[in-house]
Protein backbone atom coordinates (compact mmCIF):
# COMPACT_ATOMS: atom_id res chain seq x y z
CA MET A 1 -18.91 46.47 -20.53
CA THR A 2 -17.40 43.16 -19.47
CA ASP A 3 -13.67 42.88 -18.81
CA ASP A 4 -13.64 39.10 -19.14
CA LEU A 5 -12.04 38.22 -22.46
CA SER A 6 -10.32 35.07 -21.22
CA SER A 7 -12.10 32.89 -23.80
CA TYR A 8 -9.91 34.41 -26.53
CA ARG A 9 -6.66 33.44 -24.84
CA GLU A 10 -6.71 29.95 -26.34
CA LEU A 11 -6.36 31.53 -29.80
CA PHE A 12 -2.78 32.50 -28.88
CA PRO A 13 -0.62 29.40 -28.26
CA ILE A 14 2.25 31.56 -26.97
CA THR A 15 0.31 32.01 -23.72
CA GLU A 16 1.08 28.40 -22.85
CA LYS A 17 4.73 29.24 -22.28
CA ALA A 18 5.03 33.00 -21.69
CA ALA A 19 3.32 36.18 -20.63
CA PHE A 20 3.78 38.18 -23.81
CA LEU A 21 4.21 41.91 -23.01
CA SER A 22 5.86 42.99 -26.25
CA HIS A 23 2.82 43.77 -28.31
CA ALA A 24 4.32 47.06 -29.52
CA ALA A 25 7.03 45.09 -31.35
CA VAL A 26 5.50 42.17 -33.28
CA SER A 27 2.30 40.40 -32.31
CA PRO A 28 2.38 36.62 -31.90
CA LEU A 29 0.19 34.90 -34.46
CA ASN A 30 -3.21 33.64 -33.44
CA THR A 31 -4.78 30.43 -34.67
CA ARG A 32 -7.39 32.20 -36.81
CA ILE A 33 -4.64 33.81 -38.87
CA VAL A 34 -2.80 30.51 -39.17
CA ALA A 35 -5.99 28.80 -40.36
CA ALA A 36 -6.79 31.52 -42.92
CA VAL A 37 -3.29 31.54 -44.41
CA ARG A 38 -3.09 27.74 -44.39
CA GLU A 39 -6.39 27.49 -46.27
CA LEU A 40 -5.19 29.90 -48.94
CA ALA A 41 -1.81 28.17 -49.17
CA GLU A 42 -3.43 24.77 -49.60
CA LEU A 43 -5.73 26.10 -52.30
CA SER A 44 -2.75 27.68 -54.05
CA SER A 45 -0.88 24.39 -54.00
CA SER A 46 -3.68 22.49 -55.71
CA GLU A 47 -5.18 25.11 -58.06
CA PRO A 48 -3.64 27.59 -60.50
CA LEU A 49 -3.32 30.96 -58.80
CA MET A 50 -5.19 32.71 -61.61
CA LYS A 51 -8.18 30.51 -60.90
CA LEU A 52 -8.17 31.84 -57.33
CA PHE A 53 -7.68 35.43 -58.44
CA PRO A 54 -11.36 36.47 -58.18
CA GLN A 55 -11.52 35.01 -54.67
CA VAL A 56 -8.41 36.77 -53.39
CA MET A 57 -9.40 40.06 -55.00
CA ALA A 58 -12.80 39.85 -53.31
CA LEU A 59 -10.98 39.29 -50.01
CA GLN A 60 -8.97 42.47 -50.71
CA VAL A 61 -12.23 44.41 -51.00
CA GLU A 62 -13.54 42.89 -47.76
CA LEU A 63 -10.26 43.79 -46.07
CA ARG A 64 -10.59 47.42 -47.13
CA GLU A 65 -14.16 47.44 -45.83
CA ARG A 66 -12.94 46.21 -42.43
CA ILE A 67 -10.25 48.89 -42.39
CA LEU A 68 -12.90 51.47 -43.25
CA ARG A 69 -14.95 50.47 -40.21
CA LEU A 70 -11.88 50.42 -37.96
CA ILE A 71 -10.90 54.01 -38.76
CA ASN A 72 -14.35 55.42 -39.70
CA ALA A 73 -13.35 56.34 -43.23
CA HIS A 74 -16.03 57.73 -45.54
CA ASP A 75 -15.60 55.33 -48.45
CA VAL A 76 -13.58 52.23 -49.32
CA SER A 77 -12.06 54.12 -52.26
CA GLU A 78 -10.03 56.11 -49.68
CA ILE A 79 -8.09 52.97 -48.68
CA VAL A 80 -5.36 51.02 -50.42
CA VAL A 81 -3.61 47.94 -49.02
CA MET A 82 0.13 48.46 -48.58
CA PRO A 83 3.01 46.14 -47.58
CA ASN A 84 3.97 48.24 -44.54
CA THR A 85 3.80 51.64 -42.87
CA ALA A 86 6.99 52.96 -44.47
CA THR A 87 5.74 52.31 -48.00
CA ALA A 88 2.58 54.26 -47.24
CA ILE A 89 4.52 57.18 -45.75
CA ASN A 90 6.90 57.34 -48.71
CA THR A 91 3.95 57.25 -51.10
CA ILE A 92 2.42 60.34 -49.54
CA ALA A 93 5.73 62.17 -49.07
CA ALA A 94 6.58 61.71 -52.74
CA SER A 95 3.10 62.65 -53.96
CA LEU A 96 2.29 65.80 -52.00
CA PRO A 97 2.54 69.03 -54.03
CA LEU A 98 5.45 70.45 -52.04
CA ARG A 99 7.78 73.10 -53.42
CA THR A 100 11.13 74.67 -52.59
CA GLY A 101 10.85 76.66 -49.37
CA ASP A 102 7.97 74.61 -47.92
CA ASN A 103 8.48 72.92 -44.57
CA ILE A 104 7.23 69.89 -42.69
CA LEU A 105 6.94 69.51 -38.92
CA VAL A 106 7.85 66.20 -37.29
CA LEU A 107 8.22 65.28 -33.63
CA ASP A 108 11.55 64.58 -31.95
CA GLY A 109 11.66 60.93 -30.84
CA ASP A 110 9.25 59.68 -33.49
CA TYR A 111 9.96 56.42 -35.29
CA PRO A 112 12.44 56.78 -38.21
CA ALA A 113 9.85 55.63 -40.75
CA ASN A 114 7.98 58.87 -40.04
CA ILE A 115 11.12 61.01 -40.18
CA TYR A 116 13.35 59.89 -43.05
CA PRO A 117 10.81 60.09 -45.92
CA TRP A 118 10.17 63.73 -45.03
CA GLN A 119 13.87 64.54 -44.62
CA GLN A 120 14.50 62.95 -48.00
CA LEU A 121 12.46 65.77 -49.58
CA ALA A 122 15.45 68.05 -49.05
CA TYR A 123 16.35 67.27 -52.68
CA LYS A 124 13.27 69.35 -53.60
CA GLY A 125 14.28 72.16 -51.29
CA VAL A 126 11.70 71.16 -48.66
CA LEU A 127 12.80 71.61 -45.04
CA THR A 128 11.92 69.14 -42.27
CA LYS A 129 11.72 70.86 -38.88
CA VAL A 130 11.97 68.73 -35.72
CA VAL A 131 9.70 69.87 -32.90
CA PRO A 132 11.00 69.21 -29.35
CA THR A 133 8.94 67.06 -27.01
CA ARG A 134 7.87 67.73 -23.43
CA ASP A 135 7.34 64.95 -20.87
CA GLY A 136 8.06 62.48 -23.65
CA GLY A 137 5.63 63.61 -26.31
CA LEU A 138 3.73 66.33 -28.10
CA ASP A 139 3.36 69.78 -26.58
CA LEU A 140 0.78 71.75 -28.58
CA ASN A 141 2.30 75.10 -27.67
CA LEU A 142 5.72 74.05 -28.94
CA LEU A 143 4.17 72.67 -32.12
CA GLU A 144 2.20 75.83 -32.84
CA ALA A 145 5.29 77.97 -32.20
CA ARG A 146 7.08 76.17 -35.07
CA ILE A 147 4.30 76.68 -37.61
CA ASP A 148 4.95 79.43 -40.13
CA ARG A 149 3.43 80.52 -43.46
CA ARG A 150 5.41 77.87 -45.36
CA THR A 151 4.41 74.93 -43.15
CA ARG A 152 2.59 72.53 -45.43
CA VAL A 153 2.60 69.23 -43.51
CA ILE A 154 2.48 68.04 -39.91
CA ALA A 155 3.46 64.38 -39.59
CA LEU A 156 3.37 62.51 -36.31
CA SER A 157 2.46 59.21 -34.69
CA THR A 158 -0.52 58.54 -32.50
CA VAL A 159 1.79 57.06 -29.85
CA MET A 160 5.53 57.51 -29.28
CA PHE A 161 7.04 54.07 -29.86
CA ALA A 162 9.94 54.45 -27.40
CA ASN A 163 8.06 55.66 -24.32
CA GLY A 164 4.31 55.23 -24.88
CA PHE A 165 3.29 58.91 -24.81
CA ARG A 166 -0.09 59.24 -26.52
CA ASN A 167 -0.24 62.39 -28.65
CA ASP A 168 -3.32 64.60 -28.90
CA ILE A 169 -4.13 63.77 -32.52
CA GLU A 170 -7.55 65.40 -32.39
CA ALA A 171 -6.11 68.77 -31.32
CA VAL A 172 -3.46 68.68 -34.05
CA GLY A 173 -6.13 67.82 -36.60
CA ARG A 174 -8.09 70.93 -35.63
CA ILE A 175 -4.97 73.09 -36.02
CA CYS A 176 -4.26 71.62 -39.44
CA LYS A 177 -7.81 72.15 -40.64
CA GLU A 178 -7.88 75.76 -39.42
CA ARG A 179 -4.55 76.58 -41.09
CA GLY A 180 -4.87 74.55 -44.28
CA ILE A 181 -1.99 72.20 -43.40
CA TYR A 182 -1.81 68.58 -44.54
CA PHE A 183 -2.07 66.18 -41.59
CA PHE A 184 -0.29 62.82 -41.83
CA VAL A 185 -0.60 60.25 -39.02
CA ASP A 186 1.31 57.04 -38.38
CA GLY A 187 -1.18 54.94 -36.43
CA ILE A 188 0.72 51.68 -36.01
CA GLN A 189 1.14 51.98 -32.22
CA SER A 190 -2.56 52.52 -31.49
CA LEU A 191 -4.70 51.02 -34.24
CA GLY A 192 -6.35 47.89 -32.91
CA ALA A 193 -5.83 49.03 -29.33
CA PHE A 194 -7.81 52.28 -29.26
CA PRO A 195 -10.60 53.79 -31.36
CA MET A 196 -9.66 55.84 -34.41
CA ASP A 197 -11.87 58.30 -36.27
CA VAL A 198 -10.17 59.90 -39.26
CA GLN A 199 -13.15 62.14 -39.89
CA ALA A 200 -13.51 63.48 -36.36
CA TYR A 201 -9.72 64.00 -36.08
CA ASN A 202 -9.44 65.72 -39.49
CA ILE A 203 -6.73 63.31 -40.61
CA ASP A 204 -5.77 63.64 -44.27
CA PHE A 205 -3.51 60.59 -44.50
CA LEU A 206 -3.21 57.61 -42.15
CA ALA A 207 -0.82 54.67 -42.40
CA ALA A 208 -0.31 51.53 -40.36
CA GLY A 209 1.31 48.14 -40.62
CA SER A 210 -0.29 44.89 -39.56
CA GLN A 211 2.15 43.35 -37.09
CA LYS A 212 1.52 45.15 -33.80
CA TRP A 213 -1.84 45.95 -32.19
CA LEU A 214 -3.69 44.81 -35.32
CA LEU A 215 -2.71 41.28 -34.24
CA SER A 216 -1.50 40.18 -37.66
CA ALA A 217 1.65 39.00 -39.41
CA PRO A 218 4.31 41.34 -40.83
CA GLY A 219 4.06 42.29 -44.48
CA ALA A 220 0.67 43.99 -44.80
CA GLY A 221 -0.85 47.31 -43.91
CA PHE A 222 -2.76 50.16 -45.48
CA LEU A 223 -2.85 53.80 -46.48
CA TYR A 224 -5.90 56.02 -45.99
CA ILE A 225 -6.28 59.15 -48.13
CA ARG A 226 -9.10 61.58 -47.41
CA ALA A 227 -11.22 61.84 -50.56
CA GLU A 228 -10.98 65.63 -50.63
CA ARG A 229 -7.18 65.38 -50.77
CA MET A 230 -7.00 62.73 -53.50
CA ASP A 231 -6.76 65.01 -56.50
CA GLU A 232 -4.25 67.28 -54.76
CA LEU A 233 -1.69 64.49 -54.84
CA GLU A 234 0.69 64.34 -57.76
CA PRO A 235 0.38 60.88 -59.34
CA GLY A 236 3.40 59.32 -60.89
CA ALA A 237 5.85 59.06 -58.00
CA TYR A 238 5.21 55.32 -57.97
CA VAL A 239 3.40 53.62 -60.83
CA GLY A 240 2.87 49.95 -61.63
CA ALA A 241 0.67 47.67 -63.67
CA ALA A 242 -2.06 47.79 -61.00
CA SER A 243 -2.04 51.61 -60.75
CA VAL A 244 -4.41 52.19 -63.67
CA VAL A 245 -8.04 51.63 -64.56
CA ASP A 246 -8.78 48.31 -66.28
CA PHE A 247 -5.37 47.06 -65.13
CA MET A 248 -6.03 43.51 -66.35
CA ASN A 249 -6.03 44.80 -69.95
CA TYR A 250 -2.26 44.64 -69.97
CA LEU A 251 -1.43 45.74 -73.52
CA ASP A 252 -3.79 48.71 -73.71
CA TYR A 253 -1.15 50.95 -72.02
CA ASN A 254 -3.87 53.27 -70.77
CA LEU A 255 -2.13 55.41 -68.15
CA THR A 256 -5.37 56.55 -66.55
CA PHE A 257 -5.41 56.47 -62.76
CA PRO A 258 -8.42 55.32 -60.72
CA ALA A 259 -10.29 58.06 -58.88
CA GLY A 260 -9.45 56.61 -55.46
CA ALA A 261 -6.48 55.41 -53.45
CA GLU A 262 -6.09 52.28 -55.58
CA ARG A 263 -4.00 54.41 -57.93
CA PHE A 264 -1.18 53.71 -55.47
CA ALA A 265 -1.49 49.92 -55.76
CA LEU A 266 1.54 49.02 -57.83
CA GLY A 267 1.29 45.35 -58.63
CA THR A 268 0.57 41.88 -57.32
CA PRO A 269 -0.62 42.20 -53.72
CA ASN A 270 0.57 40.13 -50.79
CA PHE A 271 -2.33 37.68 -50.81
CA PHE A 272 -1.19 35.85 -47.70
CA GLY A 273 -0.57 39.03 -45.74
CA ALA A 274 -3.98 40.35 -46.75
CA SER A 275 -5.59 37.07 -45.70
CA ALA A 276 -3.90 37.27 -42.30
CA LEU A 277 -4.90 40.91 -41.74
CA HIS A 278 -8.45 40.18 -42.86
CA ALA A 279 -8.70 37.44 -40.23
CA SER A 280 -7.18 39.56 -37.46
CA LEU A 281 -9.46 42.53 -38.15
CA GLY A 282 -12.39 40.13 -38.02
CA LEU A 283 -11.25 39.10 -34.55
CA ILE A 284 -10.91 42.74 -33.44
CA GLU A 285 -14.41 43.50 -34.74
CA GLU A 286 -15.78 40.48 -32.92
CA VAL A 287 -14.31 41.58 -29.60
CA GLY A 288 -15.06 45.28 -30.13
CA ILE A 289 -12.54 48.11 -30.09
CA GLU A 290 -14.15 49.77 -27.05
CA ARG A 291 -13.76 46.59 -25.01
CA ILE A 292 -10.17 46.25 -26.18
CA ALA A 293 -9.33 49.85 -25.24
CA HIS A 294 -10.95 49.45 -21.83
CA LYS A 295 -9.04 46.26 -21.06
CA ILE A 296 -5.69 47.66 -22.22
CA GLY A 297 -6.32 50.78 -20.15
CA THR A 298 -6.95 48.62 -17.08
CA LEU A 299 -3.73 46.66 -17.61
CA VAL A 300 -1.66 49.79 -18.25
CA ASP A 301 -3.04 51.46 -15.12
CA ALA A 302 -2.01 48.42 -13.09
CA LEU A 303 1.46 48.41 -14.66
CA ILE A 304 2.02 52.11 -13.98
CA ASN A 305 0.85 51.82 -10.38
CA ASP A 306 2.94 48.73 -9.67
CA LEU A 307 6.13 50.07 -11.26
CA SER A 308 5.73 53.44 -9.56
CA GLU A 309 5.24 51.80 -6.16
CA ARG A 310 8.46 49.88 -6.72
CA GLY A 311 10.35 53.12 -7.36
CA TYR A 312 10.89 52.89 -11.12
CA SER A 313 11.03 56.05 -13.22
CA LEU A 314 8.78 55.84 -16.26
CA GLY A 315 9.70 57.00 -19.73
CA ALA A 316 6.91 59.51 -20.29
CA SER A 317 4.05 61.39 -18.69
CA THR A 318 1.53 59.11 -16.99
CA GLU A 319 -1.33 61.60 -17.16
CA PRO A 320 -4.47 59.71 -18.23
CA ALA A 321 -4.72 61.63 -21.52
CA HIS A 322 -1.18 60.56 -22.44
CA ARG A 323 -1.48 56.87 -21.62
CA SER A 324 -1.37 54.32 -24.42
CA GLY A 325 -0.74 50.58 -24.48
CA ILE A 326 2.97 51.12 -23.79
CA VAL A 327 4.79 51.63 -20.48
CA VAL A 328 8.57 52.04 -20.33
CA ALA A 329 10.45 51.53 -17.06
CA GLN A 330 13.91 53.10 -16.84
CA VAL A 331 16.53 50.58 -15.65
CA ALA A 332 20.31 50.49 -15.46
CA GLU A 333 20.81 47.40 -17.65
CA PRO A 334 17.75 46.90 -19.86
CA LEU A 335 19.25 44.04 -21.89
CA ALA A 336 20.03 42.07 -18.73
CA VAL A 337 16.61 42.86 -17.25
CA CYS A 338 14.82 41.67 -20.39
CA ALA A 339 16.88 38.48 -20.34
CA ARG A 340 15.91 37.80 -16.71
CA LEU A 341 12.27 38.51 -17.48
CA GLU A 342 12.35 36.06 -20.38
CA GLU A 343 13.81 33.39 -18.11
CA ALA A 344 10.83 34.03 -15.82
CA GLY A 345 8.41 33.65 -18.71
CA VAL A 346 7.79 37.33 -19.43
CA ILE A 347 8.53 38.77 -22.89
CA ALA A 348 9.34 42.51 -23.01
CA THR A 349 11.43 44.77 -25.26
CA VAL A 350 14.50 46.96 -24.77
CA ARG A 351 13.97 50.56 -25.81
CA GLY A 352 16.78 53.00 -25.09
CA ASN A 353 17.57 52.99 -21.38
CA GLY A 354 14.39 51.20 -20.46
CA VAL A 355 12.27 48.09 -20.70
CA ARG A 356 9.14 48.54 -22.79
CA PHE A 357 6.03 46.72 -21.66
CA ALA A 358 3.06 46.55 -24.00
CA PRO A 359 0.41 44.37 -22.38
CA PRO A 360 -1.69 42.66 -25.00
CA LEU A 361 -5.39 42.22 -24.68
CA LEU A 362 -6.36 38.80 -25.91
CA GLN A 363 -3.17 36.94 -24.94
CA TYR A 364 -2.92 38.27 -21.41
CA ARG A 365 -2.59 36.02 -18.41
CA GLY A 366 -1.39 36.76 -14.91
CA ARG A 367 1.73 35.07 -13.48
CA SER A 368 2.87 35.19 -9.92
CA ASP A 369 6.53 35.08 -10.91
CA ALA A 370 6.08 38.05 -13.28
CA ARG A 371 6.05 40.32 -10.23
CA ARG A 372 9.60 39.50 -9.17
């Protein structure tokens, strides 16, 4: 496996002026995305949109097929394109057959998008229980201790956004399968950076947005629903013109839902966002997710070693099994530190009492002044 991916750097113009280490926030656009969106925009400016409708709908299908390969889904009918992660999470939270007295387990320190939709179910009498973390992330013993006979859902992220702790999704999936618990995963901080296998990990529902490790623009994402769970969901929480079979037959008023995840497609899709994500997933496929994961792992190892040698405390466990694409260094004045780094041509992000580094793969370049 070759580590040399320097030929892709020219696709990211931002590398000409900065070392971009904020991939866990919003990815800079690459030229393939810009070209794909520009082509669609130019076509839309010279042709009626309805004339382009078959073309853009075919692209939607191709996009779902690329998502299928990325996560190893069983069938494209398990995937629906969504505008962002939060929309996907709310869709599942509102559609699960939960009743008064049921409870959901979430992880302390998880991103709010994977907390609030579950807490909102309090109006149905459903309790959201927050599981404490250890060393910055998931402790299986603590999680299992909180499970009781009314636990219906475990919802957590693959990677903790604020410190980079990589959770043991596979182990949680086994627990959920053994106990008949729904397993929801927010994959936005690892998809595109590390392999994902929804079948091997026994994931029932997976959501992710496009703007981080998937290398795309904000405003697109997807929801995966395991086929065996599809009919257990309660349709009707969100319904639109595109939620039904034969949705182009507008005046038939046939409220019959498709068999697959497309029942959760409400209306006109974000054609430009889908075009961008389609292009970025094509780039990820071209490079290969194993190569990407290997390169990110190499960069993260170097970051951890260098920061540790300089005496910085890190935000989470650095055990190999817990490493992701994120490293957080604890500093006294993170805003000031980030400002100084930006002056030196290094883009990082403030998270809590630390500076979050998320070394990208294809944009990376070394800088001598970045070590100051």
